[in-house]
Amino acid sequence: MLENLTTRLASVIKNIRGQARLTEDNIQDALREVRMALLEADVALPVVKDFINDVKQKALGVEVLQSLTPGQAFIGVVHNELTALMGTTHVGINLATTPPAIILMAGLQGSGKTTSSGKLAKLLTEQMKKKVLLVSCDVYRPAAIEQLKTLASQLGVDFFPSTGEQKPLDIALAAQDYAKKHYHDVLIVDTAGRLGIDEVMMNEISELHRSLNPVETLFVVDAMQGQDAINTARAFNDTLPLTGIILTKLDGDSRGGAALSVRHVTGKPIKFIGVGEKLTGLEAFHPERMASRVLGMGDVLSLIEDAQRNVDHAEAARFADKIKKGKGFDLEDFKAQIQQMRKMGGISALMDKLPGAAGAAIPAGADEKAVNRIEGIINAMTPQERSKPEILKASRKRRIAAGAGVSVQEVNRLLKQFEQAQKMMKMMSKGGLSKMMRGMKGMMPGM
C-alpha cells in the first residue's frame, strides 16, 4: 500500500536524520524531495502545494526538544500534517436513524461499488451485529444484479431481487418497504455506474437520494484512477450531499495519491479502504494510522484489531499453553500459525503494518504461493514426521518433495524456516521476548 511514496519519504527522512539541526536550507531540500514524492504518487497539485506550505511553516517554527533529533522533529511535523490532510480523526459509519438505515453507494463503473457493498454488509453483520438487506439498482448491467446476489448468498445476507426491466427508483422503494416489514437494521443500495460522468446518471442518483433520504451516501472511488479520482470526486460532491468515501484497490499497482487528495478536495471523510478481493478486505480508515504507514512507522493498533477479529482464540490459547509447558513446537503447529497469518490478510498485509517493514519487497502472489507451498509440503509428511522433524533424512525428503510437487531444496528451505521458528518459541517459553523479536525476520515465508 502506497509503497513508492513510503520508499521516497523514507529516503528523505534518512537524509535529514544526518543533520545536526533543522535549518531553512535543509528543510527546503527535504521538502523538495517530499514534493516530488507526493506528485509521483498522484497527489493533486493544489493539495501538494498546501501540504508543503503547512509543513514548512510548522517545521521552521518547531523547537527541537533535547530528546529529539532534527530528523525525529521533522518526521513529527510531516506525520501531523499527513494526518490533518487525510481527516485528523476516524469517522465511523452513521446508523443513528429509525431502521432501516439506508446506505446509498455511488461511483463510476468499475470503481468497486458492488464488491464494497458486499464487504460493508459483512462488516456490519459480523462486527456490529446488524441485520442487513442488499439491493441492486443497476438495471443497465444485469451482471451487477447477479454479482450482488452471489455475494449476498456467500455472506448469508438477505438480498432483495430486481431485474433489468424495472426502474431503479421502483426497485429502491420496494426494497425499503420490504426492509421495514422484515425488521432489517440496514439497507445497502448499490447504484448504477458509468464509464464517465453524465447527466442521466447524475439525475438518476439524485432522484434516488431525494426519495430514499439515506443516512449515509458513500462515494466509492478507485485509487488506481489517480488524478481522475479527484475530478470524479468533485463532480459527485457537487451533485450529491456525500457523507463519506470508500477508497478501493489501495493494494493494487496504484500510487495511492487519491487517498491523500480526495478528502482535501471534497471535505468529506474517508470512512473505509478496500484492500484485496476477499470479502474481509474492508478496513476502517484511521488518518493517523495511515500517516504512520505511509511514513514506514507501521500500524500496530490495526494489526492488533485484525488479530482480535480473525485469530482462532481457542487454538491460540491451546498453542500458548503448549509452549508454556515446554511441550515443543512441531510442524503441525507451524502450519497452524501460517494459516492464522493467512486469516489476517497474509504476509504483505502484516508487513504493511509492522514498524520499519512497510514497503518490503514481496513478489505479487507470494503470500498465497508461500502458504500453499508450506501446507503442501507439511501435508505430504506422515504424522510421525510432522511431530519429529529430526527424522527427515534424504530419502524421506525426496518422497515428501515428490508428494508435494516441489524440489528437495524447497523442503530444506521450509525445514530451515521451521528451525528458526522453533528457536523463537524456545526463547518465548523462557521469556526472551527481545531475542524473539530479533529472530522474527528469518521465519517469514516467501521473504
Protein backbone atom coordinates (compact mmCIF):
# COMPACT_ATOMS: atom_id res chain seq x y z
CA MET A 1 0.00 0.00 0.00
CA LEU A 2 1.50 3.35 -1.11
CA GLU A 3 4.88 1.59 -1.44
CA ASN A 4 6.56 4.13 -3.74
CA LEU A 5 5.56 7.06 -1.53
CA THR A 6 6.75 5.23 1.60
CA THR A 7 10.11 4.43 0.00
CA ARG A 8 10.68 8.01 -1.19
CA LEU A 9 9.71 9.54 2.15
CA ALA A 10 11.96 7.06 3.97
CA SER A 11 14.96 8.29 1.97
CA VAL A 12 14.08 11.93 2.73
CA ILE A 13 13.87 11.17 6.45
CA LYS A 14 17.14 9.23 6.33
CA ASN A 15 18.93 12.24 4.82
CA ILE A 16 17.57 14.77 7.31
CA ARG A 17 18.40 12.48 10.24
CA GLY A 18 22.07 13.14 9.50
CA GLN A 19 21.65 16.88 10.08
CA ALA A 20 22.74 18.47 13.35
CA ARG A 21 19.77 20.83 13.44
CA LEU A 22 16.77 21.98 11.41
CA THR A 23 17.56 24.97 9.20
CA GLU A 24 15.69 26.65 6.37
CA ASP A 25 18.20 25.21 3.89
CA ASN A 26 17.99 21.54 4.91
CA ILE A 27 14.21 21.79 5.37
CA GLN A 28 13.97 23.25 1.85
CA ASP A 29 15.94 20.30 0.43
CA ALA A 30 13.79 17.79 2.31
CA LEU A 31 10.56 19.49 1.21
CA ARG A 32 11.67 19.42 -2.42
CA GLU A 33 12.01 15.64 -2.16
CA VAL A 34 8.69 15.34 -0.32
CA ARG A 35 7.01 17.42 -3.07
CA MET A 36 8.40 15.12 -5.79
CA ALA A 37 7.36 12.01 -3.83
CA LEU A 38 3.78 13.28 -3.47
CA LEU A 39 3.50 14.29 -7.13
CA GLU A 40 4.84 10.91 -8.25
CA ALA A 41 2.20 9.28 -6.03
CA ASP A 42 -0.51 11.14 -8.00
CA VAL A 43 -1.44 13.56 -5.24
CA ALA A 44 -3.27 16.56 -6.76
CA LEU A 45 -1.04 19.61 -7.31
CA PRO A 46 -3.14 22.07 -5.22
CA VAL A 47 -3.09 19.55 -2.35
CA VAL A 48 0.71 19.20 -2.62
CA LYS A 49 1.19 22.99 -2.55
CA ASP A 50 -0.95 23.42 0.57
CA PHE A 51 0.71 20.47 2.29
CA ILE A 52 4.28 21.66 1.60
CA ASN A 53 3.46 25.19 2.81
CA ASP A 54 1.94 23.85 6.04
CA VAL A 55 4.91 21.53 6.72
CA LYS A 56 7.41 24.33 6.02
CA GLN A 57 5.72 26.74 8.43
CA LYS A 58 5.44 24.11 11.18
CA ALA A 59 8.98 22.72 10.68
CA LEU A 60 10.63 26.15 10.83
CA GLY A 61 8.62 27.04 13.90
CA VAL A 62 9.20 23.79 15.78
CA GLU A 63 11.54 23.79 18.75
CA VAL A 64 13.59 20.61 18.81
CA LEU A 65 13.46 19.13 22.29
CA GLN A 66 16.65 17.75 23.78
CA SER A 67 15.27 14.23 23.49
CA LEU A 68 14.51 14.66 19.76
CA THR A 69 16.86 14.66 16.81
CA PRO A 70 16.15 17.07 13.91
CA GLY A 71 15.05 14.04 11.87
CA GLN A 72 12.56 12.97 14.52
CA ALA A 73 11.21 16.51 14.79
CA PHE A 74 10.73 16.71 11.00
CA ILE A 75 9.02 13.29 10.92
CA GLY A 76 6.69 14.50 13.68
CA VAL A 77 5.68 17.55 11.65
CA VAL A 78 5.16 15.54 8.43
CA HIS A 79 3.16 12.90 10.33
CA ASN A 80 0.88 15.52 11.89
CA GLU A 81 0.29 17.26 8.55
CA LEU A 82 -0.37 13.98 6.71
CA THR A 83 -2.91 13.09 9.41
CA ALA A 84 -4.58 16.51 9.08
CA LEU A 85 -4.63 16.16 5.27
CA MET A 86 -6.47 12.84 5.48
CA GLY A 87 -9.01 13.95 8.08
CA THR A 88 -7.41 14.07 11.57
CA THR A 89 -9.75 11.54 13.21
CA HIS A 90 -11.61 8.38 12.23
CA VAL A 91 -15.26 8.96 11.29
CA GLY A 92 -17.32 5.79 11.62
CA ILE A 93 -20.48 4.72 9.81
CA ASN A 94 -23.60 6.56 10.98
CA LEU A 95 -26.63 4.35 11.65
CA ALA A 96 -28.38 6.75 14.06
CA THR A 97 -31.82 6.75 12.47
CA THR A 98 -35.10 4.83 12.56
CA PRO A 99 -34.47 1.40 10.94
CA PRO A 100 -33.80 0.61 8.24
CA ALA A 101 -30.76 2.90 7.99
CA ILE A 102 -30.24 3.37 4.24
CA ILE A 103 -26.73 3.46 2.79
CA LEU A 104 -26.54 4.68 -0.81
CA MET A 105 -23.44 3.60 -2.75
CA ALA A 106 -22.32 5.93 -5.56
CA GLY A 107 -19.41 5.93 -8.00
CA LEU A 108 -18.22 5.17 -11.52
CA GLN A 109 -18.44 1.75 -13.18
CA GLY A 110 -15.51 -0.42 -12.18
CA SER A 111 -14.74 1.53 -9.01
CA GLY A 112 -15.71 -1.44 -6.84
CA LYS A 113 -19.20 -0.39 -5.68
CA THR A 114 -20.77 -3.84 -5.81
CA THR A 115 -17.85 -5.58 -4.09
CA SER A 116 -17.68 -2.80 -1.50
CA SER A 117 -21.43 -3.21 -0.84
CA GLY A 118 -20.82 -6.88 -0.05
CA LYS A 119 -17.77 -6.12 2.12
CA LEU A 120 -19.71 -3.46 4.03
CA ALA A 121 -22.62 -5.87 4.57
CA LYS A 122 -20.18 -8.41 6.04
CA LEU A 123 -18.60 -5.80 8.32
CA LEU A 124 -21.98 -4.55 9.60
CA THR A 125 -23.26 -8.10 10.11
CA GLU A 126 -20.21 -9.51 11.89
CA GLN A 127 -18.75 -6.55 13.75
CA MET A 128 -21.89 -4.53 14.53
CA LYS A 129 -24.40 -7.44 14.63
CA LYS A 130 -26.82 -5.73 12.24
CA LYS A 131 -29.47 -7.39 10.08
CA VAL A 132 -28.60 -6.21 6.55
CA LEU A 133 -30.54 -6.22 3.26
CA LEU A 134 -28.72 -5.77 -0.07
CA VAL A 135 -30.37 -4.47 -3.25
CA SER A 136 -29.00 -3.61 -6.71
CA CYS A 137 -30.49 -0.73 -8.71
CA ASP A 138 -28.01 -1.23 -11.58
CA VAL A 139 -30.54 -2.17 -14.29
CA TYR A 140 -28.11 -1.33 -17.10
CA ARG A 141 -25.67 -4.12 -16.24
CA PRO A 142 -27.55 -7.37 -15.47
CA ALA A 143 -24.30 -8.96 -14.29
CA ALA A 144 -24.21 -6.42 -11.44
CA ILE A 145 -27.51 -7.72 -10.04
CA GLU A 146 -26.27 -11.32 -10.26
CA GLN A 147 -22.91 -10.37 -8.73
CA LEU A 148 -24.56 -8.77 -5.69
CA LYS A 149 -26.96 -11.72 -5.36
CA THR A 150 -23.98 -14.12 -5.35
CA LEU A 151 -22.15 -12.02 -2.76
CA ALA A 152 -25.25 -11.93 -0.54
CA SER A 153 -25.51 -15.73 -0.79
CA GLN A 154 -21.83 -16.17 0.16
CA LEU A 155 -22.28 -13.88 3.16
CA GLY A 156 -25.59 -15.30 4.29
CA VAL A 157 -27.10 -11.80 3.99
CA ASP A 158 -30.64 -11.08 2.71
CA PHE A 159 -30.94 -9.95 -0.92
CA PHE A 160 -33.88 -8.10 -2.49
CA PRO A 161 -34.37 -9.33 -6.10
CA SER A 162 -34.53 -6.94 -9.07
CA THR A 163 -34.50 -7.19 -12.88
CA GLY A 164 -33.23 -5.10 -15.78
CA GLU A 165 -36.82 -4.26 -16.82
CA GLN A 166 -37.60 -2.35 -13.62
CA LYS A 167 -36.91 1.30 -12.88
CA PRO A 168 -34.16 1.97 -10.31
CA LEU A 169 -36.44 4.14 -8.13
CA ASP A 170 -39.18 1.48 -8.08
CA ILE A 171 -36.63 -1.16 -7.01
CA ALA A 172 -35.22 1.03 -4.24
CA LEU A 173 -38.64 1.98 -2.80
CA ALA A 174 -39.84 -1.65 -2.89
CA ALA A 175 -36.63 -2.73 -1.09
CA GLN A 176 -37.13 -0.01 1.52
CA ASP A 177 -40.70 -1.21 2.15
CA TYR A 178 -39.51 -4.84 2.40
CA ALA A 179 -36.73 -3.87 4.84
CA LYS A 180 -39.26 -2.10 7.09
CA LYS A 181 -41.67 -5.05 7.11
CA HIS A 182 -38.93 -7.59 7.81
CA TYR A 183 -37.16 -5.58 10.52
CA HIS A 184 -33.83 -5.05 8.78
CA ASP A 185 -31.44 -2.68 10.54
CA VAL A 186 -29.62 -1.59 7.38
CA LEU A 187 -30.47 -1.40 3.67
CA ILE A 188 -27.47 -1.07 1.33
CA VAL A 189 -28.45 0.27 -2.11
CA ASP A 190 -25.95 -0.43 -4.92
CA THR A 191 -26.47 2.05 -7.77
CA ALA A 192 -25.52 2.09 -11.46
CA GLY A 193 -22.15 3.41 -12.57
CA ARG A 194 -21.00 4.81 -15.89
CA LEU A 195 -17.62 4.96 -17.59
CA GLY A 196 -17.69 8.73 -17.07
CA ILE A 197 -19.79 11.48 -15.53
CA ASP A 198 -23.02 12.07 -17.49
CA GLU A 199 -26.25 13.96 -16.88
CA VAL A 200 -28.54 10.89 -16.98
CA MET A 201 -26.50 9.14 -14.29
CA MET A 202 -26.43 12.17 -12.01
CA ASN A 203 -30.17 12.84 -12.38
CA GLU A 204 -30.95 9.20 -11.58
CA ILE A 205 -28.86 9.04 -8.42
CA SER A 206 -30.13 12.47 -7.30
CA GLU A 207 -33.71 11.18 -7.62
CA LEU A 208 -32.82 8.07 -5.61
CA HIS A 209 -31.28 10.25 -2.91
CA ARG A 210 -34.30 12.57 -2.68
CA SER A 211 -36.75 9.66 -2.40
CA LEU A 212 -34.77 7.43 -0.02
CA ASN A 213 -33.22 10.14 2.18
CA PRO A 214 -30.26 7.86 3.08
CA VAL A 215 -28.41 8.29 6.37
CA GLU A 216 -25.14 7.60 4.53
CA THR A 217 -24.23 8.44 0.91
CA LEU A 218 -20.86 6.84 0.30
CA PHE A 219 -18.75 7.68 -2.74
CA VAL A 220 -16.70 4.68 -3.89
CA VAL A 221 -13.53 5.70 -5.71
CA ASP A 222 -10.79 3.59 -7.30
CA ALA A 223 -7.32 4.60 -6.06
CA MET A 224 -5.90 3.46 -9.41
CA GLN A 225 -7.67 6.33 -11.17
CA GLY A 226 -5.01 8.76 -9.98
CA GLN A 227 -5.79 12.40 -10.83
CA ASP A 228 -9.12 11.38 -12.42
CA ALA A 229 -10.31 10.24 -9.00
CA ILE A 230 -10.11 13.86 -7.82
CA ASN A 231 -12.21 15.20 -10.71
CA THR A 232 -14.79 12.43 -10.27
CA ALA A 233 -14.99 13.04 -6.52
CA ARG A 234 -15.54 16.75 -7.08
CA ALA A 235 -18.33 16.09 -9.63
CA PHE A 236 -20.20 13.68 -7.32
CA ASN A 237 -19.73 16.00 -4.36
CA ASP A 238 -21.30 18.86 -6.33
CA THR A 239 -24.35 16.69 -7.19
CA LEU A 240 -24.89 14.69 -4.01
CA PRO A 241 -24.65 15.51 -0.30
CA LEU A 242 -21.95 12.88 0.25
CA THR A 243 -21.32 11.76 3.82
CA GLY A 244 -18.16 9.77 3.26
CA ILE A 245 -15.77 7.99 0.92
CA ILE A 246 -14.67 4.39 0.38
CA LEU A 247 -11.27 4.19 -1.29
CA THR A 248 -10.79 0.87 -3.13
CA LYS A 249 -7.85 -1.02 -4.67
CA LEU A 250 -5.22 0.57 -2.44
CA ASP A 251 -3.33 -2.73 -2.55
CA GLY A 252 -3.06 -2.69 -6.34
CA ASP A 253 -0.49 -1.02 -8.59
CA SER A 254 -1.90 2.37 -7.67
CA ARG A 255 0.39 5.08 -6.43
CA GLY A 256 -2.32 5.89 -3.92
CA GLY A 257 -2.26 9.68 -4.09
CA ALA A 258 -6.04 9.71 -4.22
CA ALA A 259 -6.04 8.77 -0.52
CA LEU A 260 -4.20 11.99 0.22
CA SER A 261 -6.31 14.13 -2.12
CA VAL A 262 -9.97 13.06 -2.11
CA ARG A 263 -10.70 14.16 1.43
CA HIS A 264 -8.97 17.52 0.87
CA VAL A 265 -10.92 18.17 -2.35
CA THR A 266 -14.38 17.09 -1.11
CA GLY A 267 -14.11 17.91 2.57
CA LYS A 268 -15.77 14.53 3.26
CA PRO A 269 -14.14 11.87 5.46
CA ILE A 270 -12.66 8.66 4.08
CA LYS A 271 -14.57 6.07 6.11
CA PHE A 272 -13.22 2.81 4.69
CA ILE A 273 -10.43 1.50 2.47
CA GLY A 274 -10.81 -1.61 0.32
CA VAL A 275 -7.84 -3.97 0.06
CA GLY A 276 -7.94 -7.21 -1.92
CA GLU A 277 -10.81 -9.14 -3.45
CA LYS A 278 -11.71 -11.11 -0.33
CA LEU A 279 -14.90 -10.06 1.46
CA THR A 280 -12.88 -9.41 4.62
CA GLY A 281 -10.87 -6.74 2.76
CA LEU A 282 -12.58 -3.62 4.07
CA GLU A 283 -10.79 -1.63 6.78
CA ALA A 284 -11.99 1.35 8.80
CA PHE A 285 -9.89 4.36 7.79
CA HIS A 286 -7.85 5.96 10.57
CA PRO A 287 -5.92 9.02 9.26
CA GLU A 288 -3.28 8.89 11.99
CA ARG A 289 -2.63 5.18 11.42
CA MET A 290 -2.47 5.66 7.64
CA ALA A 291 0.03 8.52 8.08
CA SER A 292 2.18 6.16 10.18
CA ARG A 293 2.02 3.50 7.47
CA VAL A 294 2.94 5.98 4.74
CA LEU A 295 5.99 7.04 6.79
CA GLY A 296 7.02 3.40 7.35
CA MET A 297 6.16 3.57 11.05
CA GLY A 298 3.71 0.68 10.87
CA ASP A 299 0.19 0.36 12.26
CA VAL A 300 0.30 -1.85 15.32
CA LEU A 301 -3.21 -0.91 16.50
CA SER A 302 -4.81 -2.15 13.26
CA LEU A 303 -2.64 -5.28 13.47
CA ILE A 304 -3.99 -5.98 16.99
CA GLU A 305 -7.57 -5.39 15.81
CA ASP A 306 -7.04 -7.80 12.89
CA ALA A 307 -5.75 -10.41 15.32
CA GLN A 308 -8.73 -9.98 17.65
CA ARG A 309 -11.17 -10.40 14.74
CA ASN A 310 -9.52 -13.17 12.74
CA VAL A 311 -7.44 -15.33 15.03
CA ASP A 312 -8.96 -18.55 16.40
CA HIS A 313 -8.72 -17.72 20.11
CA ALA A 314 -9.29 -21.31 21.28
CA GLU A 315 -6.46 -22.51 19.02
CA ALA A 316 -4.23 -19.63 20.18
CA ALA A 317 -4.89 -20.49 23.84
CA ARG A 318 -4.09 -24.17 23.21
CA PHE A 319 -0.88 -23.24 21.43
CA ALA A 320 0.18 -20.77 24.16
CA ASP A 321 -0.45 -23.41 26.84
CA LYS A 322 1.61 -25.96 24.90
CA ILE A 323 4.57 -23.57 24.59
CA LYS A 324 4.30 -22.54 28.24
CA LYS A 325 4.52 -26.19 29.34
CA GLY A 326 7.58 -26.68 27.12
CA LYS A 327 5.99 -29.48 25.09
CA GLY A 328 7.77 -28.36 21.94
CA PHE A 329 6.80 -26.76 18.67
CA ASP A 330 6.25 -29.20 15.77
CA LEU A 331 5.46 -28.84 12.07
CA GLU A 332 1.71 -29.19 12.68
CA ASP A 333 1.92 -26.13 14.96
CA PHE A 334 4.00 -24.33 12.33
CA LYS A 335 1.32 -24.96 9.69
CA ALA A 336 -1.40 -23.74 12.08
CA GLN A 337 0.48 -20.47 12.72
CA ILE A 338 0.95 -19.88 8.97
CA GLN A 339 -2.78 -20.43 8.45
CA GLN A 340 -3.53 -17.87 11.21
CA MET A 341 -1.30 -15.42 9.33
CA ARG A 342 -3.33 -16.03 6.17
CA LYS A 343 -6.56 -15.18 8.05
CA MET A 344 -5.05 -11.81 8.96
CA GLY A 345 -4.53 -10.90 5.30
CA GLY A 346 -1.28 -12.69 4.51
CA ILE A 347 2.37 -11.70 4.72
CA SER A 348 2.11 -8.42 2.79
CA ALA A 349 -0.77 -7.16 4.98
CA LEU A 350 1.23 -7.95 8.11
CA MET A 351 4.42 -6.39 6.76
CA ASP A 352 2.50 -3.26 5.78
CA LYS A 353 1.51 -2.78 9.43
CA LEU A 354 4.80 -3.73 11.10
CA PRO A 355 7.01 -0.75 12.02
CA GLY A 356 10.01 -0.50 9.69
CA ALA A 357 8.78 -3.32 7.44
CA ALA A 358 6.38 -1.40 5.16
CA GLY A 359 7.42 -1.46 1.53
CA ALA A 360 9.46 -4.67 1.92
CA ALA A 361 9.79 -6.36 -1.46
CA ILE A 362 7.26 -9.18 -1.59
CA PRO A 363 6.54 -10.50 -5.11
CA ALA A 364 2.93 -10.39 -6.29
CA GLY A 365 1.10 -13.52 -5.19
CA ALA A 366 3.93 -14.55 -2.85
CA ASP A 367 1.52 -14.69 0.10
CA GLU A 368 -0.74 -17.41 -1.29
CA LYS A 369 2.06 -19.26 -3.08
CA ALA A 370 4.24 -19.39 0.03
CA VAL A 371 1.41 -20.53 2.30
CA ASN A 372 0.13 -23.11 -0.21
CA ARG A 373 3.66 -24.46 -0.68
CA ILE A 374 4.19 -24.80 3.08
CA GLU A 375 0.84 -26.54 3.57
CA GLY A 376 1.52 -28.84 0.61
CA ILE A 377 4.93 -29.90 1.94
CA ILE A 378 3.69 -30.48 5.50
CA ASN A 379 0.61 -32.38 4.25
CA ALA A 380 2.94 -34.70 2.29
CA MET A 381 4.56 -35.81 5.57
CA THR A 382 3.41 -38.60 7.87
CA PRO A 383 2.10 -37.68 11.36
CA GLN A 384 5.34 -39.04 12.82
CA GLU A 385 7.45 -36.82 10.53
CA ARG A 386 5.44 -33.74 11.49
CA SER A 387 5.91 -34.36 15.20
CA LYS A 388 9.59 -35.39 14.88
CA PRO A 389 11.17 -33.41 12.01
CA GLU A 390 14.64 -34.60 13.08
CA ILE A 391 13.97 -37.98 11.41
CA LEU A 392 13.71 -36.33 7.98
CA LYS A 393 16.74 -37.63 6.10
CA ALA A 394 17.49 -37.53 2.35
CA SER A 395 15.18 -40.39 1.25
CA ARG A 396 12.21 -39.03 3.22
CA LYS A 397 12.81 -35.53 1.87
CA ARG A 398 12.79 -36.86 -1.72
CA ARG A 399 9.48 -38.66 -1.08
CA ILE A 400 7.92 -35.53 0.50
CA ALA A 401 9.15 -33.30 -2.35
CA ALA A 402 7.62 -35.66 -4.94
CA GLY A 403 4.35 -35.82 -3.00
CA ALA A 404 4.11 -32.02 -2.72
CA GLY A 405 5.28 -31.35 -6.29
CA VAL A 406 8.28 -29.27 -5.20
CA SER A 407 12.06 -29.63 -5.20
CA VAL A 408 14.08 -31.07 -2.31
CA GLN A 409 15.58 -27.57 -1.91
CA GLU A 410 12.07 -26.25 -1.13
CA VAL A 411 11.67 -28.90 1.58
CA ASN A 412 15.04 -27.93 3.06
CA ARG A 413 14.07 -24.23 2.98
CA LEU A 414 10.85 -24.97 4.87
CA LEU A 415 12.76 -27.00 7.48
CA LYS A 416 15.19 -24.11 7.93
CA GLN A 417 12.30 -21.67 8.44
CA PHE A 418 10.77 -24.13 10.90
CA GLU A 419 14.04 -24.38 12.87
CA GLN A 420 14.15 -20.58 13.17
CA ALA A 421 10.54 -20.52 14.36
CA GLN A 422 11.33 -23.33 16.81
CA LYS A 423 14.22 -21.31 18.30
CA MET A 424 11.89 -18.32 18.69
CA MET A 425 9.33 -20.44 20.53
CA LYS A 426 12.04 -21.69 22.92
CA MET A 427 13.04 -18.07 23.62
CA MET A 428 9.38 -17.24 24.14
CA SER A 429 8.91 -20.05 26.66
CA LYS A 430 11.96 -18.73 28.57
CA GLY A 431 10.69 -15.13 28.49
CA GLY A 432 13.25 -13.87 25.98
CA LEU A 433 10.89 -11.53 24.13
CA SER A 434 13.57 -9.12 22.88
CA LYS A 435 15.60 -12.03 21.45
CA MET A 436 12.44 -13.42 19.87
CA MET A 437 11.67 -10.10 18.12
CA ARG A 438 15.18 -10.04 16.64
CA GLY A 439 14.64 -13.54 15.28
CA MET A 440 11.28 -12.82 13.65
CA LYS A 441 12.69 -11.63 10.33
CA GLY A 442 14.00 -15.03 9.29
CA MET A 443 10.81 -17.02 9.73
CA MET A 444 8.63 -15.06 7.27
CA PRO A 445 7.81 -17.46 4.40
CA GLY A 446 8.31 -16.05 0.92
CA MET A 447 10.75 -13.40 2.17
